[in-house]
Amino acid sequence: MLYTSKKTSKVRFYIVFCIILSAMPKSKKGGGGSSRGNKQLSSRTRKQIDSLPEHAQHIYKKTHSNALEQYQSPEKRRGGKKQSAEEVAHKAAWAAVKKEYKKKGNEWVKKEED
């Protein structure tokens, strides 16, 4: 029974992984950017994200991913078609990071609760 349990949990993990992978937002082909069709972050933005603490990077990535999915439709964006879903997702992700972290000199530190 123990063997079946381990095997079952591996199968469940694989199924969940496949579901999550298939639910990730897909980029539109021919939209500029890299050869894969993904819009690449600028080196400056990538450097800024890399300078964040690990937890803040997690916040940024999760928020960015969710916002990309949520704001695919121009009707759901404040600026409509003026801004791409990528731009809106980027702004939302930075706003989420700035809710919990602040920049002190060249370093990002967690905000203290009052």
PDB file of N, CA and C in Angstrom:
ATOM      1  N   MET A   1       0.821  -1.205   0.000  1.00  0.00           N
ATOM      2  CA  MET A   1       0.000   0.000   0.000  1.00  0.00           C
ATOM      3  C   MET A   1       0.854   1.254   0.000  1.00  0.00           C
ATOM      4  N   LEU A   2       1.988   1.196   0.706  1.00  0.00           N
ATOM      5  CA  LEU A   2       2.875   2.337   0.782  1.00  0.00           C
ATOM      6  C   LEU A   2       3.420   2.697  -0.596  1.00  0.00           C
ATOM      7  N   TYR A   3       3.782   1.677  -1.385  1.00  0.00           N
ATOM      8  CA  TYR A   3       4.293   1.895  -2.729  1.00  0.00           C
ATOM      9  C   TYR A   3       3.248   2.599  -3.601  1.00  0.00           C
ATOM     10  N   THR A   4       2.012   2.155  -3.507  1.00  0.00           N
ATOM     11  CA  THR A   4       0.930   2.767  -4.275  1.00  0.00           C
ATOM     12  C   THR A   4       0.738   4.218  -3.860  1.00  0.00           C
ATOM     13  N   SER A   5       0.860   4.481  -2.582  1.00  0.00           N
ATOM     14  CA  SER A   5       0.683   5.834  -2.077  1.00  0.00           C
ATOM     15  C   SER A   5       1.737   6.779  -2.651  1.00  0.00           C
ATOM     16  N   LYS A   6       3.013   6.347  -2.662  1.00  0.00           N
ATOM     17  CA  LYS A   6       4.078   7.178  -3.226  1.00  0.00           C
ATOM     18  C   LYS A   6       3.862   7.382  -4.718  1.00  0.00           C
ATOM     19  N   LYS A   7       3.505   6.314  -5.386  1.00  0.00           N
ATOM     20  CA  LYS A   7       3.279   6.399  -6.830  1.00  0.00           C
ATOM     21  C   LYS A   7       2.100   7.327  -7.119  1.00  0.00           C
ATOM     22  N   THR A   8       1.044   7.210  -6.340  1.00  0.00           N
ATOM     23  CA  THR A   8      -0.129   8.053  -6.524  1.00  0.00           C
ATOM     24  C   THR A   8       0.212   9.522  -6.305  1.00  0.00           C
ATOM     25  N   SER A   9       1.012   9.814  -5.269  1.00  0.00           N
ATOM     26  CA  SER A   9       1.358  11.201  -5.004  1.00  0.00           C
ATOM     27  C   SER A   9       2.217  11.780  -6.124  1.00  0.00           C
ATOM     28  N   LYS A  10       3.097  10.948  -6.721  1.00  0.00           N
ATOM     29  CA  LYS A  10       3.898  11.416  -7.854  1.00  0.00           C
ATOM     30  C   LYS A  10       3.007  11.717  -9.058  1.00  0.00           C
ATOM     31  N   VAL A  11       2.046  10.862  -9.284  1.00  0.00           N
ATOM     32  CA  VAL A  11       1.119  11.063 -10.401  1.00  0.00           C
ATOM     33  C   VAL A  11       0.302  12.329 -10.171  1.00  0.00           C
ATOM     34  N   ARG A  12      -0.182  12.517  -8.952  1.00  0.00           N
ATOM     35  CA  ARG A  12      -0.952  13.723  -8.632  1.00  0.00           C
ATOM     36  C   ARG A  12      -0.101  14.968  -8.833  1.00  0.00           C
ATOM     37  N   PHE A  13       1.157  14.926  -8.371  1.00  0.00           N
ATOM     38  CA  PHE A  13       2.052  16.061  -8.547  1.00  0.00           C
ATOM     39  C   PHE A  13       2.211  16.382 -10.029  1.00  0.00           C
ATOM     40  N   TYR A  14       2.441  15.359 -10.842  1.00  0.00           N
ATOM     41  CA  TYR A  14       2.615  15.557 -12.271  1.00  0.00           C
ATOM     42  C   TYR A  14       1.362  16.157 -12.904  1.00  0.00           C
ATOM     43  N   ILE A  15       0.200  15.664 -12.518  1.00  0.00           N
ATOM     44  CA  ILE A  15      -1.064  16.181 -13.060  1.00  0.00           C
ATOM     45  C   ILE A  15      -1.241  17.645 -12.674  1.00  0.00           C
ATOM     46  N   VAL A  16      -1.009  17.970 -11.410  1.00  0.00           N
ATOM     47  CA  VAL A  16      -1.135  19.362 -10.957  1.00  0.00           C
ATOM     48  C   VAL A  16      -0.135  20.241 -11.694  1.00  0.00           C
ATOM     49  N   PHE A  17       1.092  19.758 -11.851  1.00  0.00           N
ATOM     50  CA  PHE A  17       2.108  20.517 -12.570  1.00  0.00           C
ATOM     51  C   PHE A  17       1.661  20.804 -14.005  1.00  0.00           C
ATOM     52  N   CYS A  18       1.128  19.797 -14.679  1.00  0.00           N
ATOM     53  CA  CYS A  18       0.653  19.974 -16.060  1.00  0.00           C
ATOM     54  C   CYS A  18      -0.512  20.958 -16.130  1.00  0.00           C
ATOM     55  N   ILE A  19      -1.397  20.904 -15.162  1.00  0.00           N
ATOM     56  CA  ILE A  19      -2.540  21.825 -15.133  1.00  0.00           C
ATOM     57  C   ILE A  19      -2.047  23.260 -14.950  1.00  0.00           C
ATOM     58  N   ILE A  20      -1.127  23.459 -14.014  1.00  0.00           N
ATOM     59  CA  ILE A  20      -0.586  24.799 -13.777  1.00  0.00           C
ATOM     60  C   ILE A  20       0.138  25.295 -15.016  1.00  0.00           C
ATOM     61  N   LEU A  21       0.930  24.441 -15.619  1.00  0.00           N
ATOM     62  CA  LEU A  21       1.674  24.817 -16.813  1.00  0.00           C
ATOM     63  C   LEU A  21       0.736  25.205 -17.953  1.00  0.00           C
ATOM     64  N   SER A  22      -0.342  24.462 -18.118  1.00  0.00           N
ATOM     65  CA  SER A  22      -1.276  24.763 -19.206  1.00  0.00           C
ATOM     66  C   SER A  22      -2.100  26.019 -18.912  1.00  0.00           C
ATOM     67  N   ALA A  23      -2.239  26.379 -17.623  1.00  0.00           N
ATOM     68  CA  ALA A  23      -3.025  27.552 -17.263  1.00  0.00           C
ATOM     69  C   ALA A  23      -2.218  28.845 -17.332  1.00  0.00           C
ATOM     70  N   MET A  24      -0.914  28.734 -17.503  1.00  0.00           N
ATOM     71  CA  MET A  24      -0.078  29.938 -17.565  1.00  0.00           C
ATOM     72  C   MET A  24      -0.434  30.731 -18.813  1.00  0.00           C
ATOM     73  N   PRO A  25      -0.365  32.068 -18.713  1.00  0.00           N
ATOM     74  CA  PRO A  25      -0.719  32.889 -19.874  1.00  0.00           C
ATOM     75  C   PRO A  25       0.218  32.609 -21.039  1.00  0.00           C
ATOM     76  N   LYS A  26      -0.357  32.550 -22.190  1.00  0.00           N
ATOM     77  CA  LYS A  26       0.424  32.297 -23.386  1.00  0.00           C
ATOM     78  C   LYS A  26       0.596  33.614 -24.127  1.00  0.00           C
ATOM     79  N   SER A  27       1.788  33.827 -24.649  1.00  0.00           N
ATOM     80  CA  SER A  27       2.038  35.073 -25.360  1.00  0.00           C
ATOM     81  C   SER A  27       1.514  34.969 -26.783  1.00  0.00           C
ATOM     82  N   LYS A  28       1.198  36.115 -27.346  1.00  0.00           N
ATOM     83  CA  LYS A  28       0.734  36.149 -28.730  1.00  0.00           C
ATOM     84  C   LYS A  28       1.950  36.082 -29.641  1.00  0.00           C
ATOM     85  N   LYS A  29       1.867  35.281 -30.683  1.00  0.00           N
ATOM     86  CA  LYS A  29       2.994  35.149 -31.606  1.00  0.00           C
ATOM     87  C   LYS A  29       3.064  36.371 -32.504  1.00  0.00           C
ATOM     88  N   GLY A  30       4.297  36.712 -32.892  1.00  0.00           N
ATOM     89  CA  GLY A  30       4.496  37.836 -33.796  1.00  0.00           C
ATOM     90  C   GLY A  30       4.368  39.179 -33.101  1.00  0.00           C
ATOM     91  N   GLY A  31       4.509  39.202 -31.792  1.00  0.00           N
ATOM     92  CA  GLY A  31       4.361  40.441 -31.053  1.00  0.00           C
ATOM     93  C   GLY A  31       5.660  41.148 -30.780  1.00  0.00           C
ATOM     94  N   GLY A  32       6.694  40.912 -31.588  1.00  0.00           N
ATOM     95  CA  GLY A  32       7.985  41.519 -31.300  1.00  0.00           C
ATOM     96  C   GLY A  32       8.639  40.765 -30.167  1.00  0.00           C
ATOM     97  N   GLY A  33       9.711  41.274 -29.629  1.00  0.00           N
ATOM     98  CA  GLY A  33      10.338  40.602 -28.501  1.00  0.00           C
ATOM     99  C   GLY A  33      11.239  39.487 -28.965  1.00  0.00           C
ATOM    100  N   SER A  34      11.316  38.418 -28.228  1.00  0.00           N
ATOM    101  CA  SER A  34      12.252  37.349 -28.521  1.00  0.00           C
ATOM    102  C   SER A  34      11.716  36.402 -29.584  1.00  0.00           C
ATOM    103  N   SER A  35      12.563  35.458 -29.947  1.00  0.00           N
ATOM    104  CA  SER A  35      12.177  34.492 -30.976  1.00  0.00           C
ATOM    105  C   SER A  35      11.056  33.579 -30.508  1.00  0.00           C
ATOM    106  N   ARG A  36      10.871  33.432 -29.205  1.00  0.00           N
ATOM    107  CA  ARG A  36       9.788  32.615 -28.690  1.00  0.00           C
ATOM    108  C   ARG A  36       8.457  33.346 -28.702  1.00  0.00           C
ATOM    109  N   GLY A  37       8.472  34.646 -28.876  1.00  0.00           N
ATOM    110  CA  GLY A  37       7.236  35.416 -28.855  1.00  0.00           C
ATOM    111  C   GLY A  37       6.979  36.043 -27.499  1.00  0.00           C
ATOM    112  N   ASN A  38       7.801  35.726 -26.485  1.00  0.00           N
ATOM    113  CA  ASN A  38       7.627  36.340 -25.176  1.00  0.00           C
ATOM    114  C   ASN A  38       8.191  37.744 -25.187  1.00  0.00           C
ATOM    115  N   LYS A  39       7.523  38.636 -24.498  1.00  0.00           N
ATOM    116  CA  LYS A  39       8.051  39.987 -24.390  1.00  0.00           C
ATOM    117  C   LYS A  39       9.124  39.970 -23.311  1.00  0.00           C
ATOM    118  N   GLN A  40      10.334  40.321 -23.682  1.00  0.00           N
ATOM    119  CA  GLN A  40      11.457  40.278 -22.757  1.00  0.00           C
ATOM    120  C   GLN A  40      11.517  41.559 -21.937  1.00  0.00           C
ATOM    121  N   LEU A  41      11.910  41.409 -20.684  1.00  0.00           N
ATOM    122  CA  LEU A  41      12.111  42.563 -19.822  1.00  0.00           C
ATOM    123  C   LEU A  41      13.423  43.226 -20.213  1.00  0.00           C
ATOM    124  N   SER A  42      13.489  44.533 -20.049  1.00  0.00           N
ATOM    125  CA  SER A  42      14.731  45.231 -20.348  1.00  0.00           C
ATOM    126  C   SER A  42      15.789  44.815 -19.332  1.00  0.00           C
ATOM    127  N   SER A  43      17.044  45.022 -19.677  1.00  0.00           N
ATOM    128  CA  SER A  43      18.123  44.638 -18.760  1.00  0.00           C
ATOM    129  C   SER A  43      18.043  45.465 -17.476  1.00  0.00           C
ATOM    130  N   ARG A  44      17.589  46.705 -17.587  1.00  0.00           N
ATOM    131  CA  ARG A  44      17.445  47.557 -16.408  1.00  0.00           C
ATOM    132  C   ARG A  44      16.380  46.997 -15.459  1.00  0.00           C
ATOM    133  N   THR A  45      15.243  46.600 -16.022  1.00  0.00           N
ATOM    134  CA  THR A  45      14.161  46.041 -15.207  1.00  0.00           C
ATOM    135  C   THR A  45      14.598  44.729 -14.575  1.00  0.00           C
ATOM    136  N   ARG A  46      15.254  43.874 -15.352  1.00  0.00           N
ATOM    137  CA  ARG A  46      15.731  42.592 -14.838  1.00  0.00           C
ATOM    138  C   ARG A  46      16.705  42.820 -13.682  1.00  0.00           C
ATOM    139  N   LYS A  47      17.574  43.820 -13.824  1.00  0.00           N
ATOM    140  CA  LYS A  47      18.543  44.147 -12.777  1.00  0.00           C
ATOM    141  C   LYS A  47      17.839  44.625 -11.514  1.00  0.00           C
ATOM    142  N   GLN A  48      16.782  45.441 -11.699  1.00  0.00           N
ATOM    143  CA  GLN A  48      16.014  45.927 -10.547  1.00  0.00           C
ATOM    144  C   GLN A  48      15.342  44.772  -9.814  1.00  0.00           C
ATOM    145  N   ILE A  49      14.762  43.858 -10.552  1.00  0.00           N
ATOM    146  CA  ILE A  49      14.075  42.719  -9.947  1.00  0.00           C
ATOM    147  C   ILE A  49      15.090  41.830  -9.222  1.00  0.00           C
ATOM    148  N   ASP A  50      16.251  41.632  -9.830  1.00  0.00           N
ATOM    149  CA  ASP A  50      17.287  40.810  -9.198  1.00  0.00           C
ATOM    150  C   ASP A  50      17.823  41.437  -7.920  1.00  0.00           C
ATOM    151  N   SER A  51      17.714  42.751  -7.787  1.00  0.00           N
ATOM    152  CA  SER A  51      18.209  43.428  -6.581  1.00  0.00           C
ATOM    153  C   SER A  51      17.224  43.308  -5.414  1.00  0.00           C
ATOM    154  N   LEU A  52      16.012  42.829  -5.692  1.00  0.00           N
ATOM    155  CA  LEU A  52      15.012  42.671  -4.637  1.00  0.00           C
ATOM    156  C   LEU A  52      15.339  41.464  -3.760  1.00  0.00           C
ATOM    157  N   PRO A  53      14.916  41.499  -2.483  1.00  0.00           N
ATOM    158  CA  PRO A  53      15.040  40.301  -1.646  1.00  0.00           C
ATOM    159  C   PRO A  53      14.218  39.165  -2.259  1.00  0.00           C
ATOM    160  N   GLU A  54      14.535  37.945  -1.883  1.00  0.00           N
ATOM    161  CA  GLU A  54      13.871  36.772  -2.463  1.00  0.00           C
ATOM    162  C   GLU A  54      12.351  36.838  -2.328  1.00  0.00           C
ATOM    163  N   HIS A  55      11.857  37.239  -1.160  1.00  0.00           N
ATOM    164  CA  HIS A  55      10.412  37.316  -0.936  1.00  0.00           C
ATOM    165  C   HIS A  55       9.776  38.359  -1.855  1.00  0.00           C
ATOM    166  N   ALA A  56      10.437  39.491  -2.026  1.00  0.00           N
ATOM    167  CA  ALA A  56       9.919  40.551  -2.905  1.00  0.00           C
ATOM    168  C   ALA A  56       9.913  40.084  -4.364  1.00  0.00           C
ATOM    169  N   GLN A  57      10.918  39.315  -4.755  1.00  0.00           N
ATOM    170  CA  GLN A  57      10.941  38.758  -6.112  1.00  0.00           C
ATOM    171  C   GLN A  57       9.752  37.830  -6.320  1.00  0.00           C
ATOM    172  N   HIS A  58       9.447  37.045  -5.294  1.00  0.00           N
ATOM    173  CA  HIS A  58       8.300  36.142  -5.355  1.00  0.00           C
ATOM    174  C   HIS A  58       7.006  36.949  -5.518  1.00  0.00           C
ATOM    175  N   ILE A  59       6.863  38.024  -4.752  1.00  0.00           N
ATOM    176  CA  ILE A  59       5.685  38.897  -4.848  1.00  0.00           C
ATOM    177  C   ILE A  59       5.572  39.448  -6.264  1.00  0.00           C
ATOM    178  N   TYR A  60       6.687  39.958  -6.794  1.00  0.00           N
ATOM    179  CA  TYR A  60       6.688  40.538  -8.137  1.00  0.00           C
ATOM    180  C   TYR A  60       6.246  39.507  -9.174  1.00  0.00           C
ATOM    181  N   LYS A  61       6.866  38.336  -9.140  1.00  0.00           N
ATOM    182  CA  LYS A  61       6.578  37.313 -10.157  1.00  0.00           C
ATOM    183  C   LYS A  61       5.136  36.824 -10.097  1.00  0.00           C
ATOM    184  N   LYS A  62       4.616  36.584  -8.885  1.00  0.00           N
ATOM    185  CA  LYS A  62       3.236  36.118  -8.736  1.00  0.00           C
ATOM    186  C   LYS A  62       2.248  37.180  -9.205  1.00  0.00           C
ATOM    187  N   THR A  63       2.470  38.426  -8.769  1.00  0.00           N
ATOM    188  CA  THR A  63       1.557  39.506  -9.149  1.00  0.00           C
ATOM    189  C   THR A  63       1.603  39.736 -10.646  1.00  0.00           C
ATOM    190  N   HIS A  64       2.792  39.738 -11.222  1.00  0.00           N
ATOM    191  CA  HIS A  64       2.950  39.957 -12.663  1.00  0.00           C
ATOM    192  C   HIS A  64       2.202  38.878 -13.444  1.00  0.00           C
ATOM    193  N   SER A  65       2.387  37.632 -13.037  1.00  0.00           N
ATOM    194  CA  SER A  65       1.720  36.516 -13.716  1.00  0.00           C
ATOM    195  C   SER A  65       0.200  36.634 -13.626  1.00  0.00           C
ATOM    196  N   ASN A  66      -0.311  36.918 -12.438  1.00  0.00           N
ATOM    197  CA  ASN A  66      -1.762  37.041 -12.260  1.00  0.00           C
ATOM    198  C   ASN A  66      -2.326  38.232 -13.019  1.00  0.00           C
ATOM    199  N   ALA A  67      -1.602  39.348 -13.003  1.00  0.00           N
ATOM    200  CA  ALA A  67      -2.078  40.543 -13.709  1.00  0.00           C
ATOM    201  C   ALA A  67      -2.081  40.329 -15.216  1.00  0.00           C
ATOM    202  N   LEU A  68      -1.082  39.625 -15.734  1.00  0.00           N
ATOM    203  CA  LEU A  68      -1.067  39.325 -17.174  1.00  0.00           C
ATOM    204  C   LEU A  68      -2.323  38.567 -17.573  1.00  0.00           C
ATOM    205  N   GLU A  69      -2.682  37.613 -16.750  1.00  0.00           N
ATOM    206  CA  GLU A  69      -3.872  36.808 -17.026  1.00  0.00           C
ATOM    207  C   GLU A  69      -5.142  37.658 -16.903  1.00  0.00           C
ATOM    208  N   GLN A  70      -5.206  38.479 -15.861  1.00  0.00           N
ATOM    209  CA  GLN A  70      -6.414  39.253 -15.581  1.00  0.00           C
ATOM    210  C   GLN A  70      -6.648  40.379 -16.587  1.00  0.00           C
ATOM    211  N   TYR A  71      -5.576  41.008 -17.064  1.00  0.00           N
ATOM    212  CA  TYR A  71      -5.728  42.187 -17.913  1.00  0.00           C
ATOM    213  C   TYR A  71      -5.486  41.929 -19.392  1.00  0.00           C
ATOM    214  N   GLN A  72      -5.688  40.709 -19.856  1.00  0.00           N
ATOM    215  CA  GLN A  72      -5.542  40.419 -21.282  1.00  0.00           C
ATOM    216  C   GLN A  72      -6.547  41.212 -22.107  1.00  0.00           C
ATOM    217  N   SER A  73      -7.739  41.381 -21.575  1.00  0.00           N
ATOM    218  CA  SER A  73      -8.778  42.111 -22.283  1.00  0.00           C
ATOM    219  C   SER A  73      -8.606  43.619 -22.059  1.00  0.00           C
ATOM    220  N   PRO A  74      -8.540  44.416 -23.130  1.00  0.00           N
ATOM    221  CA  PRO A  74      -8.373  45.866 -22.977  1.00  0.00           C
ATOM    222  C   PRO A  74      -9.479  46.527 -22.151  1.00  0.00           C
ATOM    223  N   GLU A  75     -10.679  45.935 -22.133  1.00  0.00           N
ATOM    224  CA  GLU A  75     -11.789  46.516 -21.368  1.00  0.00           C
ATOM    225  C   GLU A  75     -11.515  46.482 -19.865  1.00  0.00           C
ATOM    226  N   LYS A  76     -10.654  45.584 -19.432  1.00  0.00           N
ATOM    227  CA  LYS A  76     -10.364  45.452 -18.003  1.00  0.00           C
ATOM    228  C   LYS A  76      -9.221  46.371 -17.561  1.00  0.00           C
ATOM    229  N   ARG A  77      -8.585  47.038 -18.508  1.00  0.00           N
ATOM    230  CA  ARG A  77      -7.472  47.936 -18.176  1.00  0.00           C
ATOM    231  C   ARG A  77      -7.972  49.362 -18.080  1.00  0.00           C
ATOM    232  N   ARG A  78      -7.424  50.124 -17.160  1.00  0.00           N
ATOM    233  CA  ARG A  78      -7.821  51.531 -16.998  1.00  0.00           C
ATOM    234  C   ARG A  78      -7.609  52.332 -18.266  1.00  0.00           C
ATOM    235  N   GLY A  79      -6.465  52.159 -18.883  1.00  0.00           N
ATOM    236  CA  GLY A  79      -6.135  52.926 -20.077  1.00  0.00           C
ATOM    237  C   GLY A  79      -6.639  52.300 -21.356  1.00  0.00           C
ATOM    238  N   GLY A  80      -7.368  51.217 -21.253  1.00  0.00           N
ATOM    239  CA  GLY A  80      -7.864  50.536 -22.451  1.00  0.00           C
ATOM    240  C   GLY A  80      -6.719  50.022 -23.289  1.00  0.00           C
ATOM    241  N   LYS A  81      -6.725  50.376 -24.557  1.00  0.00           N
ATOM    242  CA  LYS A  81      -5.690  49.888 -25.473  1.00  0.00           C
ATOM    243  C   LYS A  81      -4.417  50.727 -25.416  1.00  0.00           C
ATOM    244  N   LYS A  82      -4.434  51.811 -24.637  1.00  0.00           N
ATOM    245  CA  LYS A  82      -3.251  52.670 -24.551  1.00  0.00           C
ATOM    246  C   LYS A  82      -2.056  51.924 -23.974  1.00  0.00           C
ATOM    247  N   GLN A  83      -2.319  51.011 -23.044  1.00  0.00           N
ATOM    248  CA  GLN A  83      -1.246  50.237 -22.431  1.00  0.00           C
ATOM    249  C   GLN A  83      -1.474  48.754 -22.695  1.00  0.00           C
ATOM    250  N   SER A  84      -0.382  48.054 -22.918  1.00  0.00           N
ATOM    251  CA  SER A  84      -0.492  46.607 -23.139  1.00  0.00           C
ATOM    252  C   SER A  84      -0.706  45.910 -21.806  1.00  0.00           C
ATOM    253  N   ALA A  85      -1.135  44.679 -21.873  1.00  0.00           N
ATOM    254  CA  ALA A  85      -1.320  43.880 -20.659  1.00  0.00           C
ATOM    255  C   ALA A  85       0.006  43.742 -19.926  1.00  0.00           C
ATOM    256  N   GLU A  86       1.100  43.662 -20.682  1.00  0.00           N
ATOM    257  CA  GLU A  86       2.438  43.549 -20.091  1.00  0.00           C
ATOM    258  C   GLU A  86       2.781  44.788 -19.264  1.00  0.00           C
ATOM    259  N   GLU A  87       2.478  45.975 -19.801  1.00  0.00           N
ATOM    260  CA  GLU A  87       2.761  47.221 -19.067  1.00  0.00           C
ATOM    261  C   GLU A  87       1.929  47.312 -17.794  1.00  0.00           C
ATOM    262  N   VAL A  88       0.661  46.967 -17.886  1.00  0.00           N
ATOM    263  CA  VAL A  88      -0.227  46.994 -16.726  1.00  0.00           C
ATOM    264  C   VAL A  88       0.246  45.987 -15.679  1.00  0.00           C
ATOM    265  N   ALA A  89       0.639  44.798 -16.113  1.00  0.00           N
ATOM    266  CA  ALA A  89       1.118  43.763 -15.200  1.00  0.00           C
ATOM    267  C   ALA A  89       2.392  44.224 -14.492  1.00  0.00           C
ATOM    268  N   HIS A  90       3.263  44.884 -15.218  1.00  0.00           N
ATOM    269  CA  HIS A  90       4.508  45.406 -14.651  1.00  0.00           C
ATOM    270  C   HIS A  90       4.208  46.441 -13.559  1.00  0.00           C
ATOM    271  N   LYS A  91       3.295  47.345 -13.837  1.00  0.00           N
ATOM    272  CA  LYS A  91       2.925  48.365 -12.846  1.00  0.00           C
ATOM    273  C   LYS A  91       2.277  47.743 -11.615  1.00  0.00           C
ATOM    274  N   ALA A  92       1.404  46.774 -11.832  1.00  0.00           N
ATOM    275  CA  ALA A  92       0.733  46.103 -10.714  1.00  0.00           C
ATOM    276  C   ALA A  92       1.748  45.356  -9.848  1.00  0.00           C
ATOM    277  N   ALA A  93       2.715  44.718 -10.493  1.00  0.00           N
ATOM    278  CA  ALA A  93       3.721  43.954  -9.759  1.00  0.00           C
ATOM    279  C   ALA A  93       4.589  44.875  -8.901  1.00  0.00           C
ATOM    280  N   TRP A  94       5.004  46.017  -9.459  1.00  0.00           N
ATOM    281  CA  TRP A  94       5.805  46.956  -8.671  1.00  0.00           C
ATOM    282  C   TRP A  94       4.984  47.544  -7.529  1.00  0.00           C
ATOM    283  N   ALA A  95       3.725  47.811  -7.767  1.00  0.00           N
ATOM    284  CA  ALA A  95       2.864  48.342  -6.703  1.00  0.00           C
ATOM    285  C   ALA A  95       2.746  47.330  -5.556  1.00  0.00           C
ATOM    286  N   ALA A  96       2.639  46.052  -5.889  1.00  0.00           N
ATOM    287  CA  ALA A  96       2.536  45.008  -4.871  1.00  0.00           C
ATOM    288  C   ALA A  96       3.822  44.916  -4.051  1.00  0.00           C
ATOM    289  N   VAL A  97       4.964  45.029  -4.724  1.00  0.00           N
ATOM    290  CA  VAL A  97       6.250  44.991  -4.020  1.00  0.00           C
ATOM    291  C   VAL A  97       6.369  46.198  -3.091  1.00  0.00           C
ATOM    292  N   LYS A  98       5.975  47.364  -3.607  1.00  0.00           N
ATOM    293  CA  LYS A  98       6.122  48.604  -2.822  1.00  0.00           C
ATOM    294  C   LYS A  98       5.157  48.673  -1.643  1.00  0.00           C
ATOM    295  N   LYS A  99       4.139  47.828  -1.623  1.00  0.00           N
ATOM    296  CA  LYS A  99       3.249  47.764  -0.462  1.00  0.00           C
ATOM    297  C   LYS A  99       3.967  47.161   0.742  1.00  0.00           C
ATOM    298  N   GLU A 100       4.892  46.236   0.476  1.00  0.00           N
ATOM    299  CA  GLU A 100       5.562  45.529   1.567  1.00  0.00           C
ATOM    300  C   GLU A 100       7.028  45.900   1.742  1.00  0.00           C
ATOM    301  N   TYR A 101       7.629  46.521   0.742  1.00  0.00           N
ATOM    302  CA  TYR A 101       9.046  46.865   0.802  1.00  0.00           C
ATOM    303  C   TYR A 101       9.257  48.327   0.445  1.00  0.00           C
ATOM    304  N   LYS A 102      10.352  48.890   0.965  1.00  0.00           N
ATOM    305  CA  LYS A 102      10.740  50.246   0.586  1.00  0.00           C
ATOM    306  C   LYS A 102      12.230  50.234   0.310  1.00  0.00           C
ATOM    307  N   LYS A 103      12.663  51.196  -0.470  1.00  0.00           N
ATOM    308  CA  LYS A 103      14.067  51.262  -0.815  1.00  0.00           C
ATOM    309  C   LYS A 103      14.768  52.164   0.188  1.00  0.00           C
ATOM    310  N   LYS A 104      15.792  51.646   0.798  1.00  0.00           N
ATOM    311  CA  LYS A 104      16.585  52.400   1.763  1.00  0.00           C
ATOM    312  C   LYS A 104      17.996  52.445   1.203  1.00  0.00           C
ATOM    313  N   GLY A 105      18.367  53.586   0.635  1.00  0.00           N
ATOM    314  CA  GLY A 105      19.646  53.685  -0.058  1.00  0.00           C
ATOM    315  C   GLY A 105      19.592  52.867  -1.327  1.00  0.00           C
ATOM    316  N   ASN A 106      20.479  51.911  -1.445  1.00  0.00           N
ATOM    317  CA  ASN A 106      20.492  51.014  -2.614  1.00  0.00           C
ATOM    318  C   ASN A 106      19.887  49.663  -2.316  1.00  0.00           C
ATOM    319  N   GLU A 107      19.247  49.543  -1.165  1.00  0.00           N
ATOM    320  CA  GLU A 107      18.748  48.250  -0.711  1.00  0.00           C
ATOM    321  C   GLU A 107      17.242  48.288  -0.481  1.00  0.00           C
ATOM    322  N   TRP A 108      16.568  47.196  -0.806  1.00  0.00           N
ATOM    323  CA  TRP A 108      15.141  47.063  -0.529  1.00  0.00           C
ATOM    324  C   TRP A 108      14.986  46.398   0.832  1.00  0.00           C
ATOM    325  N   VAL A 109      14.190  47.034   1.708  1.00  0.00           N
ATOM    326  CA  VAL A 109      13.957  46.484   3.047  1.00  0.00           C
ATOM    327  C   VAL A 109      12.471  46.374   3.291  1.00  0.00           C
ATOM    328  N   LYS A 110      12.107  45.383   4.114  1.00  0.00           N
ATOM    329  CA  LYS A 110      10.695  45.175   4.443  1.00  0.00           C
ATOM    330  C   LYS A 110      10.202  46.322   5.298  1.00  0.00           C
ATOM    331  N   LYS A 111       8.998  46.831   4.980  1.00  0.00           N
ATOM    332  CA  LYS A 111       8.415  47.917   5.752  1.00  0.00           C
ATOM    333  C   LYS A 111       8.048  47.410   7.142  1.00  0.00           C
ATOM    334  N   GLU A 112       8.221  48.259   8.125  1.00  0.00           N
ATOM    335  CA  GLU A 112       7.837  47.913   9.470  1.00  0.00           C
ATOM    336  C   GLU A 112       6.386  48.294   9.698  1.00  0.00           C
ATOM    337  N   GLU A 113       5.681  47.449  10.459  1.00  0.00           N
ATOM    338  CA  GLU A 113       4.291  47.756  10.764  1.00  0.00           C
ATOM    339  C   GLU A 113       4.242  48.804  11.865  1.00  0.00           C
ATOM    340  N   ASP A 114       3.329  49.746  11.747  1.00  0.00           N
ATOM    341  CA  ASP A 114       3.219  50.830  12.748  1.00  0.00           C
ATOM    342  C   ASP A 114       2.386  50.407  13.915  1.00  0.00           C
TER     343      ASP A 114
END
